[in-house]
Protein backbone atom coordinates (compact mmCIF):
# COMPACT_ATOMS: atom_id res chain seq x y z
CA MET A 1 115.26 87.11 110.54
CA GLY A 2 111.78 88.34 109.76
CA THR A 3 109.13 87.98 107.10
CA VAL A 4 108.71 90.72 104.49
CA LEU A 5 105.84 91.17 102.02
CA VAL A 6 106.52 93.34 98.97
CA VAL A 7 103.44 94.26 96.92
CA GLY A 8 104.31 95.35 93.40
CA ALA A 9 107.55 93.38 93.22
CA SER A 10 107.84 92.69 89.51
CA ARG A 11 110.10 95.60 88.61
CA GLY A 12 111.76 98.81 89.75
CA ILE A 13 111.80 99.68 93.42
CA GLY A 14 109.67 96.71 94.47
CA LEU A 15 111.98 94.23 92.73
CA GLU A 16 115.02 95.81 94.36
CA PHE A 17 113.37 95.48 97.79
CA VAL A 18 112.98 91.77 97.08
CA ARG A 19 116.57 91.40 95.91
CA GLN A 20 118.05 93.15 98.94
CA TYR A 21 115.84 91.59 101.61
CA ALA A 22 116.33 88.08 100.17
CA ALA A 23 120.09 88.59 99.93
CA ASP A 24 120.11 89.44 103.64
CA GLY A 25 118.34 86.18 104.50
CA GLU A 26 114.85 87.51 105.18
CA GLN A 27 111.83 85.40 104.27
CA VAL A 28 110.38 87.40 101.38
CA LEU A 29 106.88 87.15 99.96
CA ALA A 30 106.61 89.03 96.67
CA THR A 31 103.57 89.70 94.51
CA TYR A 32 103.44 89.47 90.73
CA ARG A 33 100.94 89.48 87.85
CA LYS A 34 102.82 87.75 84.99
CA ASP A 35 104.37 84.28 85.10
CA ALA A 36 107.70 85.56 83.80
CA ASP A 37 107.87 87.91 86.77
CA ALA A 38 107.16 85.04 89.16
CA ALA A 39 110.12 83.10 87.83
CA ARG A 40 112.42 86.10 88.36
CA LEU A 41 111.23 86.52 91.97
CA ARG A 42 111.71 82.82 92.75
CA LYS A 43 115.24 82.98 91.33
CA LEU A 44 116.00 85.72 93.86
CA GLY A 45 114.80 83.42 96.66
CA ALA A 46 111.36 84.91 97.25
CA THR A 47 108.00 83.18 97.54
CA ALA A 48 106.02 84.51 94.59
CA LEU A 49 102.34 85.30 95.18
CA ARG A 50 99.96 86.16 92.36
CA LEU A 51 98.12 89.46 92.85
CA ASP A 52 96.25 91.94 90.69
CA VAL A 53 95.84 94.91 93.01
CA LEU A 54 92.84 96.15 91.01
CA ASP A 55 90.89 92.90 91.38
CA ALA A 56 88.93 92.43 94.61
CA ALA A 57 88.95 88.62 94.41
CA SER A 58 92.71 88.62 93.80
CA ARG A 59 93.30 90.87 96.80
CA THR A 60 91.26 88.55 99.01
CA ALA A 61 93.10 85.51 97.61
CA LEU A 62 96.39 87.08 98.68
CA THR A 63 95.45 86.63 102.32
CA THR A 64 94.69 82.97 101.65
CA GLN A 65 98.14 82.55 100.09
CA ILE A 66 99.74 84.20 103.13
CA GLY A 67 97.80 81.92 105.47
CA ALA A 68 98.83 82.18 109.11
CA THR A 69 102.19 83.80 108.35
CA ARG A 70 102.94 86.82 110.51
CA LEU A 71 104.43 89.77 108.63
CA ASP A 72 107.18 91.90 110.11
CA VAL A 73 107.45 94.34 107.20
CA VAL A 74 104.91 95.16 104.49
CA VAL A 75 106.00 97.36 101.58
CA LEU A 76 103.22 98.62 99.30
CA SER A 77 105.08 99.73 96.19
CA ALA A 78 102.60 99.17 93.35
CA GLY A 79 101.70 102.42 91.62
CA VAL A 80 101.18 104.18 88.29
CA TYR A 81 101.84 107.75 87.17
CA GLY A 82 99.12 108.23 84.60
CA ALA A 83 99.09 110.91 81.92
CA ARG A 84 102.09 113.26 81.81
CA THR A 85 100.40 116.65 82.09
CA ALA A 86 102.02 120.06 82.49
CA GLY A 87 99.06 122.18 83.58
CA LEU A 88 95.38 122.01 84.39
CA GLU A 89 94.46 119.40 81.82
CA ALA A 90 91.28 117.62 82.93
CA PRO A 91 91.98 113.89 83.35
CA ASP A 92 90.22 111.36 81.20
CA PRO A 93 87.65 109.60 83.45
CA ALA A 94 89.03 106.15 82.69
CA GLU A 95 92.58 107.32 83.42
CA PHE A 96 91.41 108.95 86.64
CA ASP A 97 89.89 105.66 87.75
CA ARG A 98 93.03 103.68 86.83
CA VAL A 99 95.37 105.97 88.75
CA MET A 100 93.15 106.43 91.79
CA HIS A 101 92.21 102.75 92.00
CA THR A 102 95.85 101.66 91.74
CA ASN A 103 97.43 104.31 93.96
CA VAL A 104 94.69 104.83 96.56
CA LEU A 105 91.85 102.29 96.53
CA ALA A 106 94.10 99.23 96.27
CA PRO A 107 96.39 100.25 99.17
CA MET A 108 93.36 101.03 101.35
CA HIS A 109 91.92 97.57 100.70
CA LEU A 110 95.28 95.89 101.18
CA ILE A 111 95.91 97.64 104.49
CA THR A 112 92.53 96.40 105.70
CA LEU A 113 93.19 92.85 104.54
CA LEU A 114 96.80 92.65 105.70
CA SER A 115 96.55 94.36 109.08
CA PRO A 116 95.53 91.12 110.90
CA HIS A 117 98.71 89.51 109.53
CA LEU A 118 101.03 92.22 110.87
CA ALA A 119 103.00 91.11 113.87
CA ASP A 120 102.04 93.54 116.60
CA ALA A 121 105.12 94.92 118.35
CA GLY A 122 107.67 96.39 115.97
CA ALA A 123 106.00 95.53 112.67
CA LYS A 124 106.41 98.08 109.87
CA LEU A 125 103.94 99.16 107.17
CA ALA A 126 105.58 101.26 104.44
CA ILE A 127 103.78 102.87 101.51
CA LEU A 128 105.78 104.28 98.62
CA SER A 129 104.30 107.71 98.11
CA SER A 130 106.04 110.64 96.43
CA ASN A 131 107.28 114.11 97.20
CA MET A 132 104.73 115.14 94.55
CA GLY A 133 102.01 114.22 97.04
CA SER A 134 103.13 116.93 99.46
CA ILE A 135 100.64 119.80 99.41
CA GLY A 136 102.98 122.01 101.41
CA ARG A 137 105.84 121.59 98.93
CA MET A 138 103.80 121.82 95.74
CA ALA A 139 105.30 124.40 93.36
CA ASN A 140 103.60 123.59 90.05
CA ALA A 141 100.66 121.70 88.59
CA SER A 142 102.53 119.10 86.53
CA GLY A 143 101.16 115.58 86.90
CA TRP A 144 98.30 116.83 89.02
CA LEU A 145 96.38 113.55 88.87
CA TYR A 146 99.40 111.68 90.21
CA ARG A 147 99.90 114.39 92.85
CA ALA A 148 96.29 114.05 93.96
CA SER A 149 96.57 110.27 94.22
CA LYS A 150 99.69 110.45 96.36
CA ALA A 151 98.20 113.12 98.64
CA ALA A 152 95.21 110.81 99.07
CA VAL A 153 97.27 107.74 99.89
CA ASN A 154 99.24 109.83 102.39
CA ALA A 155 95.96 110.57 104.16
CA ALA A 156 95.08 106.87 104.10
CA LEU A 157 98.45 106.00 105.63
CA ARG A 158 97.97 108.61 108.34
CA ALA A 159 94.54 107.17 109.17
CA ALA A 160 95.97 103.64 109.28
CA SER A 161 98.67 104.81 111.68
CA LEU A 162 96.02 105.95 114.17
CA GLU A 163 94.47 102.48 114.16
CA LEU A 164 97.60 100.32 113.97
CA GLY A 165 99.99 102.45 116.00
CA PRO A 166 98.47 101.45 119.36
CA ARG A 167 99.23 97.83 118.41
CA GLY A 168 102.88 98.71 117.96
CA VAL A 169 102.80 98.77 114.16
CA VAL A 170 104.82 101.65 112.69
CA CYS A 171 103.15 103.09 109.57
CA ILE A 172 105.20 105.31 107.26
CA ALA A 173 104.72 106.99 103.88
CA PHE A 174 107.95 107.36 101.90
CA HIS A 175 109.28 109.50 99.10
CA PRO A 176 111.76 107.06 97.49
CA GLY A 177 113.65 109.81 95.73
CA TRP A 178 113.64 110.53 92.01
CA VAL A 179 114.71 107.06 90.95
CA ARG A 180 115.91 105.76 87.59
CA THR A 181 113.08 103.30 86.90
CA ASP A 182 110.51 102.95 84.12
CA MET A 183 108.42 105.58 85.92
CA GLY A 184 111.24 107.88 86.98
CA GLY A 185 113.05 107.78 83.64
CA ALA A 186 116.69 107.64 82.68
CA GLY A 187 117.30 111.23 83.76
CA ALA A 188 116.36 110.66 87.41
CA SER A 189 118.86 111.61 90.09
CA ILE A 190 119.51 108.29 91.91
CA ASP A 191 119.58 104.62 91.06
CA VAL A 192 117.26 102.03 92.54
CA VAL A 193 119.96 100.42 94.68
CA GLU A 194 120.69 103.69 96.49
CA SER A 195 116.99 104.37 97.03
CA VAL A 196 116.15 100.96 98.46
CA THR A 197 119.30 100.69 100.55
CA ASN A 198 118.34 103.92 102.29
CA LEU A 199 114.65 103.01 102.54
CA ARG A 200 115.50 99.70 104.21
CA ARG A 201 117.77 101.46 106.69
CA VAL A 202 115.03 103.93 107.64
CA ILE A 203 112.45 101.14 107.93
CA ALA A 204 114.77 99.09 110.15
CA GLN A 205 115.45 102.05 112.45
CA ALA A 206 111.84 103.29 112.61
CA ASN A 207 110.14 103.34 115.99
CA ASP A 208 106.95 104.71 117.54
CA SER A 209 108.10 108.29 116.92
CA HIS A 210 107.97 107.65 113.16
CA ASN A 211 104.43 106.29 113.14
CA GLY A 212 102.14 108.23 110.82
CA LYS A 213 104.98 110.26 109.31
CA PHE A 214 105.90 111.17 105.73
CA LEU A 215 109.64 110.65 105.22
CA ASN A 216 112.24 111.12 102.53
CA TYR A 217 114.23 108.01 101.59
CA THR A 218 117.12 109.38 103.64
CA GLY A 219 114.92 109.74 106.72
CA GLU A 220 114.08 113.46 106.80
CA HIS A 221 110.49 114.49 107.47
CA ILE A 222 108.45 115.85 104.57
CA SER A 223 105.56 118.24 105.15
CA TRP A 224 102.15 116.88 104.24
């Protein structure tokens, strides 16, 4: 069994990753912000680690909490959607900062901080992106701030793959599907169990040929 770190584990897709990996006997490290969330993660069998992805000191403290532990799988699932826009509505500057700092800046810092902890051969780094971050597939302007943030984190993942791939670390950006979570809404097409079950299968089967790729939760390639 390996060691899995799930960042953004308090709810939704991240929480389901924790539940499934822990149920399968993996050693799971799971990040939280609120004490009530920590208790839920511990009940599932995970080691709960406090983290505010927007706070530099908290991000650095995460590596102290991890210590010398080698990580076989890292899942970066923390993210926000921001304002629900339908067209070219200029984002509020504060909202722009919140979305970009959460969805792009935080993952870039975390990749830098966590890369020394990734076990070299066969380790997996997975970022939950979105089909909305695909420039090639874009068909409308709805949620354009969120789209921009996910396109940016896709580029960051691709850059990370060029650095970490030669070490044997497989770096993948995922579209988790349109999932029934607080973000996806009740009208989404799949439930969180189906999404994560498929994501875990693709992560487990990923090899060097998947490094630096953008994949659907069922494993198909998505155009950047």
